[in-house]
């Protein structure tokens, strides 16, 4: 697998081939962590093929009831399971009314790199959507060591072959689950959702263990290298998600 998909480099893990059927492997390999929070290498935009969403906070766990038969005596009644926390790295991108999804695009070029020296994750690709729009995308993401509760994403989209109406929907998703849950339990209760202009947060608490987490997001919209004073046309508060909408 390493010889066919990844480029050997002294400091970086580099993936320069896109295979939509093997993203779960790459999500593990391109994970980020800073000792406080950890995050699998999931795409920010929509992806309709197999994936495993993962965001974790050190020390937060859930008492998942053991699922074994009566013949396995001596097993504990519960296992302490690392909880999948609210997902803050999601950005739904609509280009000329089509949702960006690499599983449905013709991918022209692709490169993903995890720089182990600098702690920076980058991803670049060019793709043609089903509506014929060709785009170039460059993504940069990191988790701070100085402020260990902080993560940042820079997501750039450029239309390459025609004018395009692009809608950005960055959001926090608290309706997440653990794929390895023994009983498909709901791990989180949503306590509060608030937003104001370009900022918002969701407060949630784990069931049984009562760990609380406040997941905050702030968005800046940049056009041609300058922060734009764009008003947000709509803000939606879904049952478990907080979404901001930017239109360009």
Protein backbone atom coordinates (compact mmCIF):
# COMPACT_ATOMS: atom_id res chain seq x y z
CA UNK A 1 0.00 0.00 0.00
CA UNK A 2 2.79 2.44 0.89
CA UNK A 3 4.61 1.87 -2.39
CA UNK A 4 1.49 2.41 -4.51
CA UNK A 5 -0.20 5.33 -2.79
CA UNK A 6 2.24 7.28 -0.63
CA UNK A 7 5.42 9.18 -1.42
CA UNK A 8 8.40 8.63 0.87
CA UNK A 9 9.73 11.84 2.40
CA UNK A 10 11.98 12.54 5.44
CA UNK A 11 9.39 14.73 7.20
CA UNK A 12 6.07 14.39 5.39
CA UNK A 13 3.47 11.80 4.59
CA UNK A 14 2.38 12.51 1.02
CA UNK A 15 -0.54 11.06 -0.90
CA UNK A 16 -0.67 11.96 -4.58
CA UNK A 17 -3.27 9.50 -5.85
CA UNK A 18 -6.98 9.80 -5.22
CA UNK A 19 -8.84 6.55 -4.57
CA UNK A 20 -12.38 7.14 -3.29
CA UNK A 21 -12.64 3.53 -2.05
CA UNK A 22 -9.71 3.77 0.37
CA UNK A 23 -10.36 6.99 2.25
CA UNK A 24 -10.77 5.31 5.66
CA UNK A 25 -7.11 4.21 5.57
CA UNK A 26 -5.97 7.70 4.63
CA UNK A 27 -8.15 9.32 7.29
CA UNK A 28 -6.17 7.39 9.91
CA UNK A 29 -2.78 8.14 8.38
CA UNK A 30 -3.47 11.88 8.00
CA UNK A 31 -4.82 12.40 11.53
CA UNK A 32 -3.85 15.46 13.57
CA UNK A 33 -3.37 15.74 17.33
CA UNK A 34 -1.84 18.11 19.87
CA UNK A 35 -2.22 16.18 23.13
CA UNK A 36 -5.57 17.79 23.98
CA UNK A 37 -7.66 17.21 20.87
CA UNK A 38 -7.33 14.75 18.01
CA UNK A 39 -8.96 14.61 14.60
CA UNK A 40 -9.04 12.08 11.79
CA UNK A 41 -8.07 13.24 8.31
CA UNK A 42 -11.64 13.65 7.09
CA UNK A 43 -12.48 15.88 4.15
CA UNK A 44 -14.03 19.22 5.06
CA UNK A 45 -16.46 19.09 2.13
CA UNK A 46 -19.09 16.40 1.55
CA UNK A 47 -17.87 12.91 0.67
CA UNK A 48 -20.43 10.24 -0.16
CA UNK A 49 -18.20 7.14 -0.09
CA UNK A 50 -17.02 5.19 2.99
CA UNK A 51 -15.57 7.33 5.76
CA UNK A 52 -15.14 7.33 9.53
CA UNK A 53 -15.66 10.72 11.17
CA UNK A 54 -13.49 11.24 14.23
CA UNK A 55 -12.97 14.16 16.63
CA UNK A 56 -11.70 13.45 20.14
CA UNK A 57 -10.96 15.36 23.34
CA UNK A 58 -8.50 13.99 25.87
CA UNK A 59 -10.18 12.61 28.99
CA UNK A 60 -13.75 12.49 27.63
CA UNK A 61 -15.16 8.98 27.58
CA UNK A 62 -18.46 7.10 27.73
CA UNK A 63 -19.43 4.02 29.75
CA UNK A 64 -20.55 1.71 26.94
CA UNK A 65 -22.38 -1.37 28.20
CA UNK A 66 -20.56 -4.59 27.33
CA UNK A 67 -22.18 -6.73 24.65
CA UNK A 68 -21.22 -10.36 25.35
CA UNK A 69 -23.04 -13.63 25.89
CA UNK A 70 -23.69 -15.24 29.25
CA UNK A 71 -20.85 -17.70 28.59
CA UNK A 72 -18.18 -14.97 28.81
CA UNK A 73 -18.03 -14.70 32.56
CA UNK A 74 -15.58 -12.23 34.07
CA UNK A 75 -16.14 -9.49 31.49
CA UNK A 76 -16.70 -6.00 32.96
CA UNK A 77 -20.23 -4.62 32.76
CA UNK A 78 -19.00 -1.48 30.97
CA UNK A 79 -16.05 -0.39 28.84
CA UNK A 80 -14.72 3.17 28.97
CA UNK A 81 -14.95 4.23 25.33
CA UNK A 82 -13.34 7.28 23.72
CA UNK A 83 -16.23 9.46 22.58
CA UNK A 84 -16.57 10.95 19.11
CA UNK A 85 -16.98 14.65 19.89
CA UNK A 86 -18.88 17.37 17.95
CA UNK A 87 -17.34 17.82 14.52
CA UNK A 88 -16.06 21.35 13.79
CA UNK A 89 -14.22 20.82 10.51
CA UNK A 90 -17.18 20.60 8.12
CA UNK A 91 -17.73 22.98 5.19
CA UNK A 92 -20.44 22.23 2.66
CA UNK A 93 -19.49 23.78 -0.69
CA UNK A 94 -22.05 24.43 -3.43
CA UNK A 95 -20.76 25.43 -6.88
CA UNK A 96 -23.32 26.49 -9.46
CA UNK A 97 -25.97 24.69 -7.36
CA UNK A 98 -24.01 21.42 -7.17
CA UNK A 99 -22.62 20.13 -3.86
CA UNK A 100 -18.87 19.50 -4.05
CA UNK A 101 -18.26 15.79 -3.52
CA UNK A 102 -15.04 14.24 -4.82
CA UNK A 103 -16.75 10.87 -5.01
CA UNK A 104 -18.97 12.35 -7.75
CA UNK A 105 -16.37 14.50 -9.53
CA UNK A 106 -13.73 13.80 -12.14
CA UNK A 107 -10.53 14.36 -10.18
CA UNK A 108 -7.84 15.85 -12.45
CA UNK A 109 -5.05 16.20 -9.88
CA UNK A 110 -4.74 15.49 -6.18
CA UNK A 111 -2.17 15.85 -3.41
CA UNK A 112 -2.45 15.53 0.36
CA UNK A 113 0.44 16.10 2.77
CA UNK A 114 0.95 15.85 6.52
CA UNK A 115 4.11 17.76 7.40
CA UNK A 116 5.32 16.11 10.60
CA UNK A 117 7.96 18.78 11.21
CA UNK A 118 5.58 21.76 11.09
CA UNK A 119 2.39 19.96 12.16
CA UNK A 120 0.49 21.21 9.11
CA UNK A 121 -2.02 19.24 7.04
CA UNK A 122 -2.57 20.38 3.43
CA UNK A 123 -4.68 19.10 0.55
CA UNK A 124 -4.89 20.38 -3.02
CA UNK A 125 -6.88 19.15 -5.98
CA UNK A 126 -8.42 20.12 -9.29
CA UNK A 127 -11.70 18.54 -10.28
CA UNK A 128 -14.56 18.83 -12.75
CA UNK A 129 -18.06 18.72 -11.30
CA UNK A 130 -20.96 17.01 -13.03
CA UNK A 131 -22.26 20.43 -14.10
CA UNK A 132 -19.04 21.02 -16.04
CA UNK A 133 -17.48 23.56 -13.65
CA UNK A 134 -13.76 23.01 -13.15
CA UNK A 135 -12.32 24.13 -9.82
CA UNK A 136 -9.07 24.25 -7.92
CA UNK A 137 -9.09 23.78 -4.15
CA UNK A 138 -6.36 24.26 -1.56
CA UNK A 139 -6.89 23.38 2.10
CA UNK A 140 -4.65 23.94 5.12
CA UNK A 141 -5.45 22.72 8.63
CA UNK A 142 -3.64 22.54 11.97
CA UNK A 143 -4.16 22.08 15.69
CA UNK A 144 -2.35 24.58 17.89
CA UNK A 145 0.21 23.52 20.49
CA UNK A 146 0.26 26.91 22.23
CA UNK A 147 -3.54 27.04 22.56
CA UNK A 148 -4.37 23.36 22.77
CA UNK A 149 -8.13 23.88 22.40
CA UNK A 150 -7.73 25.70 19.07
CA UNK A 151 -7.86 24.35 15.52
CA UNK A 152 -7.89 26.32 12.28
CA UNK A 153 -8.85 25.66 8.66
CA UNK A 154 -8.05 27.70 5.56
CA UNK A 155 -10.21 26.56 2.61
CA UNK A 156 -9.70 28.15 -0.82
CA UNK A 157 -11.80 27.55 -3.94
CA UNK A 158 -11.08 28.95 -7.41
CA UNK A 159 -13.24 28.52 -10.51
CA UNK A 160 -10.97 27.64 -13.44
CA UNK A 161 -13.04 27.43 -16.62
CA UNK A 162 -16.11 29.63 -16.08
CA UNK A 163 -17.79 32.04 -13.69
CA UNK A 164 -19.25 30.28 -10.69
CA UNK A 165 -21.69 30.98 -7.90
CA UNK A 166 -20.06 29.45 -4.83
CA UNK A 167 -21.82 29.00 -1.49
CA UNK A 168 -19.82 28.13 1.65
CA UNK A 169 -21.60 26.46 4.57
CA UNK A 170 -19.14 25.98 7.48
CA UNK A 171 -20.84 24.19 10.34
CA UNK A 172 -20.48 22.38 13.64
CA UNK A 173 -22.13 18.96 13.68
CA UNK A 174 -23.10 17.67 17.12
CA UNK A 175 -25.28 14.87 15.77
CA UNK A 176 -22.34 12.51 15.59
CA UNK A 177 -22.17 8.83 16.57
CA UNK A 178 -19.55 6.23 17.40
CA UNK A 179 -19.40 3.49 14.80
CA UNK A 180 -18.11 1.03 17.41
CA UNK A 181 -20.95 1.66 19.88
CA UNK A 182 -22.14 -1.65 21.28
CA UNK A 183 -25.80 -0.66 21.44
CA UNK A 184 -25.99 2.31 19.05
CA UNK A 185 -26.32 4.60 22.05
CA UNK A 186 -26.62 8.33 21.74
CA UNK A 187 -23.54 9.61 23.58
CA UNK A 188 -24.29 13.36 23.71
CA UNK A 189 -27.11 15.60 24.93
CA UNK A 190 -27.31 19.02 23.26
CA UNK A 191 -27.74 21.72 25.92
CA UNK A 192 -27.44 24.99 24.01
CA UNK A 193 -26.93 26.35 20.47
CA UNK A 194 -26.13 30.04 19.92
CA UNK A 195 -24.79 32.16 17.09
CA UNK A 196 -24.04 35.81 16.42
CA UNK A 197 -22.77 37.17 13.11
CA UNK A 198 -19.76 35.05 12.10
CA UNK A 199 -19.50 33.13 15.37
CA UNK A 200 -21.46 30.41 17.12
CA UNK A 201 -21.19 27.54 19.55
CA UNK A 202 -22.84 24.33 20.66
CA UNK A 203 -22.75 23.17 24.29
CA UNK A 204 -23.17 19.43 24.74
CA UNK A 205 -22.79 16.91 27.55
CA UNK A 206 -22.04 13.20 27.50
CA UNK A 207 -24.71 10.92 28.82
CA UNK A 208 -23.81 8.76 31.86
CA UNK A 209 -20.35 10.33 32.40
CA UNK A 210 -21.55 14.00 32.28
CA UNK A 211 -18.53 15.54 30.53
CA UNK A 212 -19.40 18.94 29.05
CA UNK A 213 -17.90 20.41 25.88
CA UNK A 214 -18.43 23.77 24.19
CA UNK A 215 -17.57 23.63 20.49
CA UNK A 216 -17.07 27.15 19.10
CA UNK A 217 -16.53 28.33 15.54
CA UNK A 218 -15.64 31.68 14.03
CA UNK A 219 -15.55 32.27 10.28
CA UNK A 220 -13.77 34.90 8.23
CA UNK A 221 -14.54 35.34 4.53
CA UNK A 222 -11.58 36.38 2.36
CA UNK A 223 -11.80 37.55 -1.27
CA UNK A 224 -8.59 38.11 -3.26
CA UNK A 225 -6.50 38.13 -0.09
CA UNK A 226 -8.62 40.66 1.81
CA UNK A 227 -11.10 39.99 4.59
CA UNK A 228 -14.51 40.84 3.20
CA UNK A 229 -17.27 42.42 5.28
CA UNK A 230 -19.84 40.02 3.87
CA UNK A 231 -23.10 39.72 5.74
CA UNK A 232 -24.39 36.21 6.28
CA UNK A 233 -27.61 35.76 4.25
CA UNK A 234 -28.95 32.98 6.45
CA UNK A 235 -28.09 31.18 9.67
CA UNK A 236 -29.79 27.87 10.32
CA UNK A 237 -29.95 26.05 13.63
CA UNK A 238 -30.80 22.44 12.88
CA UNK A 239 -31.54 20.01 15.75
CA UNK A 240 -27.87 19.07 16.13
CA UNK A 241 -25.99 21.47 13.85
CA UNK A 242 -25.04 25.12 13.60
CA UNK A 243 -24.57 26.36 10.03
CA UNK A 244 -23.28 29.66 8.64
CA UNK A 245 -23.85 30.54 4.99
CA UNK A 246 -21.50 32.65 2.84
CA UNK A 247 -22.23 33.47 -0.81
CA UNK A 248 -19.75 34.69 -3.42
